[in-house]
């Protein structure tokens, strides 16, 4: 049925976007979602169709739709899913907002060429230091953690777009730190302050476009 719908949409010159759902949305268990998610991902790759991984975003588990956790907003701590009267979960207002942002990021950049970009970050709230979550910090604190998100600049589009179409933590691509013993950055754009010093955080898109670097001081 899905293959037929894709063929009909292409024949009518309708742009198709596919989504991968969370296993927790099924009251009968995730084993029913995993085969379907794999099929969706495969069909998307075969037909050059964008796929949005809502499952990873809402459960907070990058790289696998089989996770059973519940994600939360990095800055506010608001959960992305909540239980219903059945064993299944549904997105919260924060979850639906994230899904909307992810869809908009894909829709706004369909068929456009990525020409550059820059980084933004949110520092995780630190209860021990009595520090709230803050945005776009370049000065580190002890045991500080930052989530970086690339903002892509596209030809024919005035405003930069957050690259959230691959997973909830940012776009796929290559992340690097010039001094990982000072600031370590994961391949989901999550950075940790390790020791005193300076480090440059860089991101390169899957197509090889280098974004503006970000200097962190600790």
N, C-alpha and C. Protein backbone atom coordinates (compact mmCIF):
# COMPACT_ATOMS: atom_id res chain seq x y z
N UNK A 1 0.82 -1.20 0.00
CA UNK A 1 0.00 0.00 0.00
C UNK A 1 0.86 1.27 0.00
N UNK A 2 1.92 1.28 0.85
CA UNK A 2 2.78 2.45 0.92
C UNK A 2 3.50 2.69 -0.40
N UNK A 3 3.98 1.60 -1.03
CA UNK A 3 4.64 1.73 -2.33
C UNK A 3 3.70 2.32 -3.37
N UNK A 4 2.44 1.88 -3.34
CA UNK A 4 1.45 2.38 -4.30
C UNK A 4 1.19 3.86 -4.08
N UNK A 5 1.10 4.26 -2.82
CA UNK A 5 0.85 5.67 -2.51
C UNK A 5 2.01 6.55 -2.98
N UNK A 6 3.25 6.06 -2.81
CA UNK A 6 4.42 6.81 -3.26
C UNK A 6 4.40 6.99 -4.77
N UNK A 7 4.07 5.91 -5.50
CA UNK A 7 4.01 5.97 -6.96
C UNK A 7 2.93 6.94 -7.42
N UNK A 8 1.77 6.90 -6.76
CA UNK A 8 0.67 7.79 -7.13
C UNK A 8 1.05 9.25 -6.87
N UNK A 9 1.71 9.51 -5.75
CA UNK A 9 2.10 10.88 -5.42
C UNK A 9 3.12 11.41 -6.43
N UNK A 10 4.10 10.58 -6.77
CA UNK A 10 5.11 11.02 -7.74
C UNK A 10 4.49 11.25 -9.11
N UNK A 11 3.52 10.40 -9.48
CA UNK A 11 2.87 10.57 -10.77
C UNK A 11 2.09 11.88 -10.83
N UNK A 12 1.60 12.33 -9.66
CA UNK A 12 0.84 13.57 -9.58
C UNK A 12 1.74 14.75 -9.23
N UNK A 13 3.05 14.53 -9.23
CA UNK A 13 4.03 15.58 -8.91
C UNK A 13 3.81 16.14 -7.50
N UNK A 14 3.49 15.25 -6.56
CA UNK A 14 3.30 15.62 -5.15
C UNK A 14 4.53 15.21 -4.36
N UNK A 15 5.10 16.14 -3.62
CA UNK A 15 6.29 15.85 -2.81
C UNK A 15 5.90 14.97 -1.63
N UNK A 16 6.67 13.91 -1.39
CA UNK A 16 6.38 12.96 -0.31
C UNK A 16 7.41 13.10 0.80
N UNK A 17 6.94 13.10 2.04
CA UNK A 17 7.79 13.05 3.22
C UNK A 17 7.27 11.92 4.10
N UNK A 18 8.16 11.05 4.57
CA UNK A 18 7.77 9.93 5.42
C UNK A 18 8.24 10.15 6.85
N UNK A 19 7.53 9.52 7.79
CA UNK A 19 7.88 9.67 9.20
C UNK A 19 8.04 8.32 9.88
N UNK A 20 8.98 8.26 10.82
CA UNK A 20 9.20 7.07 11.63
C UNK A 20 8.64 7.33 13.02
N UNK A 21 7.80 6.43 13.50
CA UNK A 21 7.08 6.64 14.75
C UNK A 21 7.79 5.98 15.93
N UNK A 22 7.36 6.37 17.11
CA UNK A 22 7.92 5.78 18.34
C UNK A 22 7.24 4.46 18.66
N UNK A 23 8.02 3.49 19.12
CA UNK A 23 7.45 2.21 19.54
C UNK A 23 6.45 2.38 20.67
N UNK A 24 6.61 3.41 21.49
CA UNK A 24 5.74 3.61 22.63
C UNK A 24 4.33 4.03 22.23
N UNK A 25 4.14 4.39 20.96
CA UNK A 25 2.81 4.79 20.52
C UNK A 25 1.88 3.58 20.35
N UNK A 26 2.44 2.40 20.39
CA UNK A 26 1.63 1.18 20.20
C UNK A 26 1.25 0.59 21.55
N UNK A 27 -0.04 0.38 21.77
CA UNK A 27 -0.50 -0.24 23.02
C UNK A 27 -0.19 -1.73 23.05
N UNK A 28 0.23 -2.29 21.91
CA UNK A 28 0.51 -3.72 21.83
C UNK A 28 2.01 -4.01 21.87
N UNK A 29 2.81 -2.98 22.06
CA UNK A 29 4.25 -3.20 22.14
C UNK A 29 4.97 -2.78 20.88
N UNK A 30 6.25 -2.45 21.04
CA UNK A 30 7.04 -1.92 19.95
C UNK A 30 7.35 -2.89 18.84
N UNK A 31 7.13 -4.21 19.08
CA UNK A 31 7.46 -5.17 18.03
C UNK A 31 6.63 -4.97 16.78
N UNK A 32 5.50 -4.27 16.90
CA UNK A 32 4.65 -4.02 15.73
C UNK A 32 5.16 -2.82 14.93
N UNK A 33 5.87 -1.91 15.59
CA UNK A 33 6.34 -0.72 14.92
C UNK A 33 7.69 -0.91 14.24
N UNK A 34 8.55 -1.72 14.83
CA UNK A 34 9.92 -1.84 14.32
C UNK A 34 9.97 -2.31 12.87
N UNK A 35 9.23 -3.35 12.47
CA UNK A 35 9.26 -3.76 11.05
C UNK A 35 8.75 -2.65 10.13
N UNK A 36 7.70 -1.95 10.54
CA UNK A 36 7.16 -0.88 9.72
C UNK A 36 8.16 0.27 9.60
N UNK A 37 8.82 0.62 10.71
CA UNK A 37 9.81 1.69 10.66
C UNK A 37 10.96 1.34 9.72
N UNK A 38 11.40 0.09 9.75
CA UNK A 38 12.47 -0.36 8.86
C UNK A 38 12.04 -0.28 7.41
N UNK A 39 10.80 -0.65 7.14
CA UNK A 39 10.26 -0.58 5.78
C UNK A 39 10.19 0.87 5.30
N UNK A 40 9.73 1.76 6.16
CA UNK A 40 9.63 3.17 5.80
C UNK A 40 11.01 3.73 5.46
N UNK A 41 12.00 3.43 6.31
CA UNK A 41 13.36 3.93 6.08
C UNK A 41 13.93 3.39 4.76
N UNK A 42 13.67 2.12 4.47
CA UNK A 42 14.18 1.50 3.25
C UNK A 42 13.54 2.12 2.01
N UNK A 43 12.22 2.28 2.04
CA UNK A 43 11.51 2.87 0.90
C UNK A 43 11.96 4.32 0.67
N UNK A 44 12.19 5.04 1.77
CA UNK A 44 12.64 6.42 1.64
C UNK A 44 14.00 6.48 0.96
N UNK A 45 14.91 5.60 1.34
CA UNK A 45 16.24 5.58 0.74
C UNK A 45 16.17 5.20 -0.73
N UNK A 46 15.34 4.22 -1.06
CA UNK A 46 15.23 3.75 -2.44
C UNK A 46 14.61 4.79 -3.37
N UNK A 47 13.75 5.65 -2.81
CA UNK A 47 13.03 6.61 -3.65
C UNK A 47 13.48 8.05 -3.42
N UNK A 48 14.60 8.23 -2.70
CA UNK A 48 15.14 9.56 -2.43
C UNK A 48 14.09 10.47 -1.79
N UNK A 49 13.44 9.95 -0.75
CA UNK A 49 12.38 10.67 -0.05
C UNK A 49 12.87 11.06 1.35
N UNK A 50 12.64 12.30 1.78
CA UNK A 50 13.03 12.68 3.14
C UNK A 50 12.24 11.87 4.17
N UNK A 51 12.91 11.46 5.23
CA UNK A 51 12.24 10.73 6.30
C UNK A 51 12.54 11.43 7.62
N UNK A 52 11.51 11.67 8.42
CA UNK A 52 11.66 12.35 9.70
C UNK A 52 11.54 11.32 10.81
N UNK A 53 12.56 11.24 11.66
CA UNK A 53 12.59 10.23 12.71
C UNK A 53 11.94 10.77 13.99
N UNK A 54 10.61 10.77 14.01
CA UNK A 54 9.90 11.22 15.21
C UNK A 54 10.16 10.28 16.39
N UNK A 55 10.39 9.01 16.10
CA UNK A 55 10.62 8.04 17.16
C UNK A 55 11.82 8.39 18.01
N UNK A 56 12.95 8.67 17.36
CA UNK A 56 14.15 9.07 18.10
C UNK A 56 13.93 10.36 18.86
N UNK A 57 13.23 11.29 18.24
CA UNK A 57 13.05 12.60 18.86
C UNK A 57 12.24 12.50 20.15
N UNK A 58 11.17 11.74 20.12
CA UNK A 58 10.26 11.72 21.26
C UNK A 58 10.72 10.78 22.37
N UNK A 59 11.46 9.74 22.02
CA UNK A 59 11.90 8.83 23.08
C UNK A 59 13.29 9.19 23.58
N UNK A 60 13.97 10.10 22.90
CA UNK A 60 15.27 10.54 23.39
C UNK A 60 16.36 9.52 23.20
N UNK A 61 16.33 8.77 22.10
CA UNK A 61 17.35 7.73 21.89
C UNK A 61 17.86 7.81 20.45
N UNK A 62 18.92 8.55 20.26
CA UNK A 62 19.47 8.75 18.92
C UNK A 62 20.03 7.44 18.38
N UNK A 63 19.72 7.13 17.13
CA UNK A 63 20.31 5.99 16.46
C UNK A 63 19.49 4.73 16.47
N UNK A 64 18.39 4.69 17.22
CA UNK A 64 17.58 3.48 17.25
C UNK A 64 16.15 3.83 17.59
N UNK A 65 15.21 3.35 16.78
CA UNK A 65 13.80 3.59 17.08
C UNK A 65 13.27 2.57 18.06
N UNK A 66 14.13 1.67 18.53
CA UNK A 66 13.68 0.64 19.47
C UNK A 66 13.72 1.07 20.92
N UNK A 67 14.13 2.31 21.20
CA UNK A 67 14.24 2.75 22.58
C UNK A 67 12.89 2.88 23.26
N UNK A 68 12.87 2.75 24.57
CA UNK A 68 11.61 2.83 25.31
C UNK A 68 11.63 3.98 26.31
N UNK A 69 12.59 4.89 26.16
CA UNK A 69 12.65 6.04 27.05
C UNK A 69 11.71 7.13 26.58
N UNK A 70 11.60 8.17 27.40
CA UNK A 70 10.81 9.35 27.05
C UNK A 70 11.74 10.54 27.01
N UNK A 71 11.81 11.20 25.87
CA UNK A 71 12.67 12.37 25.72
C UNK A 71 12.07 13.58 26.40
N UNK A 72 12.87 14.63 26.53
CA UNK A 72 12.39 15.86 27.11
C UNK A 72 13.08 17.05 26.48
N UNK A 73 12.43 18.20 26.57
CA UNK A 73 13.02 19.42 26.05
C UNK A 73 14.30 19.71 26.80
N UNK A 74 15.38 19.93 26.06
CA UNK A 74 16.70 20.07 26.68
C UNK A 74 16.75 21.26 27.61
N UNK A 75 16.06 22.36 27.27
CA UNK A 75 16.13 23.58 28.07
C UNK A 75 15.12 23.62 29.21
N UNK A 76 13.88 23.14 28.95
CA UNK A 76 12.83 23.27 29.94
C UNK A 76 12.58 22.01 30.76
N UNK A 77 13.02 20.87 30.25
CA UNK A 77 12.77 19.61 30.94
C UNK A 77 11.39 19.05 30.71
N UNK A 78 10.56 19.69 29.87
CA UNK A 78 9.21 19.21 29.59
C UNK A 78 9.26 17.90 28.82
N UNK A 79 8.55 16.85 29.28
CA UNK A 79 8.57 15.56 28.58
C UNK A 79 7.87 15.65 27.23
N UNK A 80 8.32 14.81 26.28
CA UNK A 80 7.76 14.82 24.95
C UNK A 80 6.58 13.86 24.79
N UNK A 81 6.40 12.93 25.73
CA UNK A 81 5.28 12.00 25.65
C UNK A 81 4.67 11.80 27.02
N UNK A 82 3.41 11.35 27.03
CA UNK A 82 2.72 11.05 28.28
C UNK A 82 1.82 9.85 28.06
N UNK A 83 1.42 9.19 29.15
CA UNK A 83 0.57 8.01 29.04
C UNK A 83 -0.88 8.42 28.80
N UNK A 84 -1.63 7.48 28.24
CA UNK A 84 -3.07 7.65 28.06
C UNK A 84 -3.77 6.63 28.94
N UNK A 85 -5.07 6.40 28.69
CA UNK A 85 -5.81 5.41 29.47
C UNK A 85 -5.43 3.99 29.09
N UNK A 86 -4.70 3.84 28.00
CA UNK A 86 -4.19 2.53 27.59
C UNK A 86 -2.70 2.51 27.89
N UNK A 87 -2.03 1.38 27.70
CA UNK A 87 -0.58 1.34 27.95
C UNK A 87 0.24 2.19 26.98
N UNK A 88 -0.39 2.71 25.94
CA UNK A 88 0.35 3.47 24.94
C UNK A 88 0.62 4.89 25.42
N UNK A 89 1.56 5.55 24.73
CA UNK A 89 1.90 6.93 25.00
C UNK A 89 1.45 7.80 23.83
N UNK A 90 1.25 9.08 24.12
CA UNK A 90 0.94 10.06 23.08
C UNK A 90 1.84 11.27 23.28
N UNK A 91 2.11 12.03 22.22
CA UNK A 91 2.94 13.23 22.38
C UNK A 91 2.26 14.27 23.28
N UNK A 92 3.06 14.99 24.05
CA UNK A 92 2.57 16.12 24.83
C UNK A 92 2.58 17.36 23.94
N UNK A 93 2.09 18.51 24.42
CA UNK A 93 2.21 19.73 23.63
C UNK A 93 3.66 20.02 23.23
N UNK A 94 4.60 19.75 24.14
CA UNK A 94 6.02 19.94 23.81
C UNK A 94 6.45 18.97 22.72
N UNK A 95 5.92 17.75 22.76
CA UNK A 95 6.24 16.76 21.74
C UNK A 95 5.70 17.15 20.38
N UNK A 96 4.45 17.59 20.34
CA UNK A 96 3.87 18.02 19.07
C UNK A 96 4.59 19.24 18.51
N UNK A 97 5.04 20.15 19.39
CA UNK A 97 5.77 21.31 18.93
C UNK A 97 7.08 20.89 18.28
N UNK A 98 7.79 19.94 18.90
CA UNK A 98 9.03 19.44 18.32
C UNK A 98 8.78 18.79 16.97
N UNK A 99 7.73 17.98 16.87
CA UNK A 99 7.41 17.32 15.61
C UNK A 99 7.10 18.35 14.53
N UNK A 100 6.38 19.42 14.91
CA UNK A 100 6.07 20.48 13.95
C UNK A 100 7.34 21.16 13.47
N UNK A 101 8.27 21.43 14.39
CA UNK A 101 9.53 22.06 14.02
C UNK A 101 10.33 21.17 13.09
N UNK A 102 10.34 19.87 13.36
CA UNK A 102 11.07 18.94 12.52
C UNK A 102 10.48 18.89 11.11
N UNK A 103 9.15 18.84 11.04
CA UNK A 103 8.49 18.80 9.73
C UNK A 103 8.74 20.09 8.96
N UNK A 104 8.65 21.22 9.66
CA UNK A 104 8.86 22.51 9.00
C UNK A 104 10.28 22.63 8.47
N UNK A 105 11.26 22.10 9.23
CA UNK A 105 12.65 22.17 8.80
C UNK A 105 12.86 21.41 7.50
N UNK A 106 12.14 20.30 7.33
CA UNK A 106 12.25 19.52 6.10
C UNK A 106 11.49 20.20 4.96
N UNK A 107 10.26 20.61 5.23
CA UNK A 107 9.44 21.22 4.19
C UNK A 107 10.08 22.48 3.64
N UNK A 108 10.64 23.30 4.53
CA UNK A 108 11.22 24.58 4.11
C UNK A 108 12.46 24.43 3.24
N UNK A 109 13.09 23.27 3.29
CA UNK A 109 14.35 23.10 2.55
C UNK A 109 14.26 22.08 1.43
N UNK A 110 13.06 21.64 1.10
CA UNK A 110 12.90 20.67 0.02
C UNK A 110 13.46 21.23 -1.29
N UNK A 111 14.30 20.43 -1.92
CA UNK A 111 14.86 20.75 -3.24
C UNK A 111 15.74 21.99 -3.25
N UNK A 112 16.20 22.44 -2.07
CA UNK A 112 17.10 23.59 -2.00
C UNK A 112 18.53 23.12 -1.74
N UNK A 113 19.48 23.92 -2.16
CA UNK A 113 20.88 23.58 -1.99
C UNK A 113 21.44 24.22 -0.72
N UNK A 114 22.06 23.40 0.13
CA UNK A 114 22.70 23.89 1.34
C UNK A 114 24.00 24.59 0.96
N UNK A 115 24.15 25.86 1.35
CA UNK A 115 25.33 26.63 0.97
C UNK A 115 26.25 26.97 2.15
N UNK A 116 25.76 26.82 3.35
CA UNK A 116 26.56 27.14 4.53
C UNK A 116 25.72 27.01 5.78
N UNK A 117 26.21 27.58 6.88
CA UNK A 117 25.43 27.52 8.10
C UNK A 117 26.23 27.94 9.31
N UNK A 118 25.58 27.92 10.44
CA UNK A 118 26.22 28.29 11.70
C UNK A 118 25.65 27.42 12.82
N UNK A 119 26.26 27.51 14.00
CA UNK A 119 25.86 26.68 15.13
C UNK A 119 25.18 27.52 16.21
N UNK A 120 24.26 26.90 16.90
CA UNK A 120 23.63 27.48 18.09
C UNK A 120 23.69 26.42 19.19
N UNK A 121 23.65 26.85 20.46
CA UNK A 121 23.66 25.84 21.51
C UNK A 121 22.76 26.22 22.67
N UNK A 122 22.43 25.21 23.47
CA UNK A 122 21.67 25.39 24.71
C UNK A 122 22.44 24.66 25.80
N UNK A 123 22.78 25.39 26.88
CA UNK A 123 23.47 24.75 27.99
C UNK A 123 22.45 24.08 28.89
N UNK A 124 22.71 22.83 29.24
CA UNK A 124 21.80 22.08 30.08
C UNK A 124 21.74 22.69 31.48
N UNK A 125 20.54 22.73 32.05
CA UNK A 125 20.40 23.22 33.41
C UNK A 125 21.22 22.35 34.36
N UNK A 126 21.90 22.97 35.31
CA UNK A 126 22.75 22.26 36.27
C UNK A 126 22.21 22.51 37.67
N UNK A 127 21.48 21.52 38.20
CA UNK A 127 20.85 21.68 39.50
C UNK A 127 21.88 21.87 40.62
N UNK A 128 23.02 21.18 40.50
CA UNK A 128 24.02 21.28 41.54
C UNK A 128 24.62 22.68 41.62
N UNK A 129 24.75 23.34 40.49
CA UNK A 129 25.31 24.69 40.47
C UNK A 129 24.23 25.75 40.53
N UNK A 130 22.97 25.31 40.66
CA UNK A 130 21.83 26.23 40.70
C UNK A 130 21.82 27.13 39.48
N UNK A 131 22.12 26.54 38.32
CA UNK A 131 22.19 27.30 37.07
C UNK A 131 21.08 26.85 36.12
N UNK A 132 20.26 27.78 35.61
CA UNK A 132 19.21 27.40 34.67
C UNK A 132 19.77 27.14 33.29
N UNK A 133 18.96 26.53 32.44
CA UNK A 133 19.36 26.32 31.05
C UNK A 133 19.52 27.67 30.37
N UNK A 134 20.59 27.83 29.61
CA UNK A 134 20.85 29.09 28.92
C UNK A 134 21.19 28.81 27.46
N UNK A 135 20.95 29.80 26.61
CA UNK A 135 21.18 29.61 25.17
C UNK A 135 22.43 30.34 24.72
N UNK A 136 23.08 29.74 23.73
CA UNK A 136 24.22 30.33 23.03
C UNK A 136 25.32 30.83 23.95
N UNK A 137 25.84 29.90 24.75
CA UNK A 137 26.94 30.18 25.66
C UNK A 137 28.26 29.74 25.04
N UNK A 138 29.31 30.50 25.24
CA UNK A 138 30.63 30.05 24.78
C UNK A 138 31.64 29.97 25.92
N UNK A 139 31.16 30.20 27.15
CA UNK A 139 32.01 30.06 28.33
C UNK A 139 31.56 28.87 29.14
N UNK A 140 32.46 27.94 29.38
CA UNK A 140 32.12 26.71 30.05
C UNK A 140 32.09 26.83 31.57
N UNK A 141 31.43 25.89 32.20
CA UNK A 141 31.41 25.76 33.64
C UNK A 141 31.72 24.31 33.98
N UNK A 142 32.09 24.07 35.22
CA UNK A 142 32.44 22.71 35.64
C UNK A 142 31.30 21.74 35.34
N UNK A 143 31.63 20.66 34.63
CA UNK A 143 30.68 19.60 34.29
C UNK A 143 29.50 20.12 33.46
N UNK A 144 29.74 21.21 32.74
CA UNK A 144 28.68 21.74 31.89
C UNK A 144 28.44 20.87 30.66
N UNK A 145 27.20 20.87 30.17
CA UNK A 145 26.82 20.10 28.99
C UNK A 145 26.01 21.01 28.07
N UNK A 146 26.35 21.00 26.79
CA UNK A 146 25.68 21.84 25.80
C UNK A 146 25.17 20.99 24.65
N UNK A 147 23.97 21.33 24.16
CA UNK A 147 23.46 20.70 22.94
C UNK A 147 23.59 21.69 21.80
N UNK A 148 24.39 21.33 20.79
CA UNK A 148 24.55 22.16 19.60
C UNK A 148 23.57 21.73 18.51
N UNK A 149 23.04 22.71 17.80
CA UNK A 149 22.18 22.46 16.65
C UNK A 149 22.69 23.26 15.46
N UNK A 150 22.92 22.63 14.31
CA UNK A 150 23.34 23.38 13.12
C UNK A 150 22.14 24.09 12.49
N UNK A 151 22.35 25.33 12.07
CA UNK A 151 21.34 26.07 11.31
C UNK A 151 21.85 26.21 9.90
N UNK A 152 21.15 25.61 8.95
CA UNK A 152 21.59 25.61 7.57
C UNK A 152 21.12 26.83 6.79
N UNK A 153 21.99 27.33 5.94
CA UNK A 153 21.65 28.42 5.01
C UNK A 153 21.47 27.81 3.63
N UNK A 154 20.33 28.08 2.99
CA UNK A 154 20.00 27.45 1.72
C UNK A 154 19.81 28.50 0.63
N UNK A 155 20.18 28.14 -0.58
CA UNK A 155 19.95 29.03 -1.72
C UNK A 155 18.45 29.19 -1.94
N UNK A 156 18.02 30.42 -2.14
CA UNK A 156 16.61 30.68 -2.39
C UNK A 156 15.76 30.76 -1.14
N UNK A 157 16.37 30.74 0.05
CA UNK A 157 15.63 30.80 1.30
C UNK A 157 16.28 31.85 2.19
N UNK A 158 15.48 32.82 2.65
CA UNK A 158 16.04 33.95 3.40
C UNK A 158 16.50 33.56 4.79
N UNK A 159 15.69 32.78 5.51
CA UNK A 159 16.00 32.46 6.90
C UNK A 159 16.70 31.11 7.01
N UNK A 160 17.68 31.03 7.90
CA UNK A 160 18.36 29.76 8.16
C UNK A 160 17.40 28.79 8.85
N UNK A 161 17.60 27.50 8.61
CA UNK A 161 16.71 26.48 9.15
C UNK A 161 17.46 25.53 10.08
N UNK A 162 16.88 25.21 11.26
CA UNK A 162 17.51 24.22 12.14
C UNK A 162 17.48 22.85 11.49
N UNK A 163 18.60 22.16 11.51
CA UNK A 163 18.69 20.87 10.84
C UNK A 163 18.31 19.76 11.82
N UNK A 164 16.99 19.55 11.94
CA UNK A 164 16.45 18.59 12.89
C UNK A 164 15.78 17.42 12.21
N UNK A 165 16.05 17.23 10.92
CA UNK A 165 15.33 16.21 10.19
C UNK A 165 15.89 14.81 10.37
N UNK A 166 17.07 14.68 10.99
CA UNK A 166 17.67 13.36 11.11
C UNK A 166 17.49 12.75 12.49
N UNK A 167 17.66 13.56 13.52
CA UNK A 167 17.38 13.08 14.87
C UNK A 167 17.16 14.28 15.77
N UNK A 168 16.69 14.03 16.97
CA UNK A 168 16.28 15.14 17.82
C UNK A 168 17.43 16.02 18.24
N UNK A 169 18.67 15.54 18.17
CA UNK A 169 19.81 16.31 18.65
C UNK A 169 20.45 17.16 17.58
N UNK A 170 19.99 17.09 16.36
CA UNK A 170 20.59 17.87 15.28
C UNK A 170 20.74 17.03 14.03
N UNK A 171 21.46 17.53 13.08
CA UNK A 171 21.60 16.85 11.80
C UNK A 171 22.71 15.81 11.84
N UNK A 172 22.56 14.80 11.02
CA UNK A 172 23.68 13.90 10.80
C UNK A 172 24.77 14.68 10.10
N UNK A 173 25.98 14.25 10.23
CA UNK A 173 27.12 14.95 9.69
C UNK A 173 28.32 14.65 10.56
N UNK A 174 29.33 15.48 10.51
CA UNK A 174 30.55 15.23 11.27
C UNK A 174 30.80 16.37 12.26
N UNK A 175 30.85 16.01 13.53
CA UNK A 175 31.17 16.95 14.59
C UNK A 175 32.60 16.72 15.04
N UNK A 176 33.29 17.80 15.43
CA UNK A 176 34.67 17.65 15.91
C UNK A 176 34.99 18.76 16.91
N UNK A 177 35.91 18.44 17.82
CA UNK A 177 36.44 19.41 18.76
C UNK A 177 37.94 19.50 18.53
N UNK A 178 38.47 20.72 18.47
CA UNK A 178 39.91 20.89 18.26
C UNK A 178 40.70 20.44 19.48
N UNK A 179 40.05 20.37 20.63
CA UNK A 179 40.72 19.96 21.86
C UNK A 179 39.74 19.14 22.71
N UNK A 180 39.56 17.86 22.38
CA UNK A 180 38.56 17.04 23.07
C UNK A 180 38.86 16.81 24.55
N UNK A 181 40.09 17.11 24.99
CA UNK A 181 40.39 16.98 26.42
C UNK A 181 39.87 18.19 27.20
N UNK A 182 39.49 19.25 26.48
CA UNK A 182 38.88 20.43 27.10
C UNK A 182 37.36 20.38 26.92
N UNK A 183 36.93 20.22 25.66
CA UNK A 183 35.51 20.05 25.33
C UNK A 183 35.38 18.85 24.40
N UNK A 184 34.62 17.87 24.83
CA UNK A 184 34.34 16.71 23.98
C UNK A 184 32.98 16.92 23.32
N UNK A 185 32.87 16.62 22.02
CA UNK A 185 31.59 16.73 21.34
C UNK A 185 31.26 15.40 20.68
N UNK A 186 30.02 14.94 20.90
CA UNK A 186 29.58 13.67 20.32
C UNK A 186 29.10 13.89 18.90
N UNK A 187 28.79 12.80 18.20
CA UNK A 187 28.30 12.90 16.83
C UNK A 187 26.82 13.24 16.75
N UNK A 188 26.23 13.65 17.87
CA UNK A 188 24.88 14.21 17.88
C UNK A 188 24.92 15.68 18.30
N UNK A 189 26.14 16.26 18.39
CA UNK A 189 26.28 17.66 18.73
C UNK A 189 26.16 17.95 20.22
N UNK A 190 26.35 16.95 21.07
CA UNK A 190 26.30 17.14 22.51
C UNK A 190 27.72 17.30 23.02
N UNK A 191 27.99 18.42 23.71
CA UNK A 191 29.36 18.73 24.15
C UNK A 191 29.45 18.77 25.67
N UNK A 192 30.58 18.27 26.20
CA UNK A 192 30.85 18.26 27.64
C UNK A 192 32.12 19.06 27.93
N UNK A 193 32.10 19.83 29.03
CA UNK A 193 33.30 20.51 29.50
C UNK A 193 34.13 19.51 30.31
N UNK A 194 35.39 19.29 29.90
CA UNK A 194 36.24 18.29 30.55
C UNK A 194 37.28 18.95 31.47
N UNK A 195 37.97 19.96 30.97
CA UNK A 195 39.02 20.61 31.74
C UNK A 195 39.16 22.05 31.28
N UNK A 196 40.04 22.82 31.94
CA UNK A 196 40.23 24.23 31.57
C UNK A 196 40.97 24.36 30.24
N UNK A 197 40.57 25.36 29.45
CA UNK A 197 41.23 25.58 28.17
C UNK A 197 40.25 26.11 27.14
N UNK A 198 40.64 26.04 25.89
CA UNK A 198 39.83 26.53 24.78
C UNK A 198 39.70 25.44 23.72
N UNK A 199 38.54 25.34 23.12
CA UNK A 199 38.34 24.35 22.06
C UNK A 199 37.41 24.95 21.00
N UNK A 200 37.62 24.54 19.76
CA UNK A 200 36.79 24.98 18.64
C UNK A 200 35.88 23.83 18.22
N UNK A 201 34.57 24.06 18.26
CA UNK A 201 33.59 23.06 17.85
C UNK A 201 33.25 23.29 16.39
N UNK A 202 33.35 22.25 15.57
CA UNK A 202 33.06 22.38 14.14
C UNK A 202 32.03 21.35 13.70
N UNK A 203 31.32 21.69 12.65
CA UNK A 203 30.32 20.78 12.07
C UNK A 203 30.41 20.83 10.56
N UNK A 204 30.39 19.66 9.93
CA UNK A 204 30.38 19.54 8.48
C UNK A 204 29.18 18.70 8.07
N UNK A 205 28.38 19.19 7.14
CA UNK A 205 27.17 18.49 6.73
C UNK A 205 27.52 17.21 5.97
N UNK A 206 26.55 16.30 5.81
CA UNK A 206 26.80 15.06 5.05
C UNK A 206 27.25 15.33 3.61
N UNK A 207 26.91 16.50 3.07
CA UNK A 207 27.32 16.83 1.70
C UNK A 207 28.65 17.58 1.65
N UNK A 208 29.31 17.72 2.81
CA UNK A 208 30.62 18.33 2.85
C UNK A 208 30.65 19.83 3.05
N UNK A 209 29.50 20.42 3.37
CA UNK A 209 29.45 21.87 3.61
C UNK A 209 29.92 22.15 5.05
N UNK A 210 30.94 23.00 5.18
CA UNK A 210 31.47 23.35 6.50
C UNK A 210 30.72 24.55 7.07
N UNK A 211 30.28 24.42 8.32
CA UNK A 211 29.56 25.50 8.97
C UNK A 211 30.54 26.38 9.74
N UNK A 212 30.10 27.58 10.11
CA UNK A 212 30.93 28.47 10.91
C UNK A 212 31.28 27.80 12.23
N UNK A 213 32.52 27.92 12.65
CA UNK A 213 32.97 27.26 13.88
C UNK A 213 32.49 28.01 15.12
N UNK A 214 32.55 27.33 16.24
CA UNK A 214 32.15 27.89 17.52
C UNK A 214 33.28 27.69 18.52
N UNK A 215 33.75 28.77 19.13
CA UNK A 215 34.85 28.69 20.10
C UNK A 215 34.27 28.61 21.51
N UNK A 216 34.71 27.60 22.26
CA UNK A 216 34.28 27.41 23.64
C UNK A 216 35.46 27.64 24.59
N UNK A 217 35.19 28.35 25.69
CA UNK A 217 36.21 28.63 26.69
C UNK A 217 35.77 27.98 28.01
N UNK A 218 36.72 27.38 28.71
CA UNK A 218 36.41 26.75 29.98
C UNK A 218 37.50 27.06 31.00
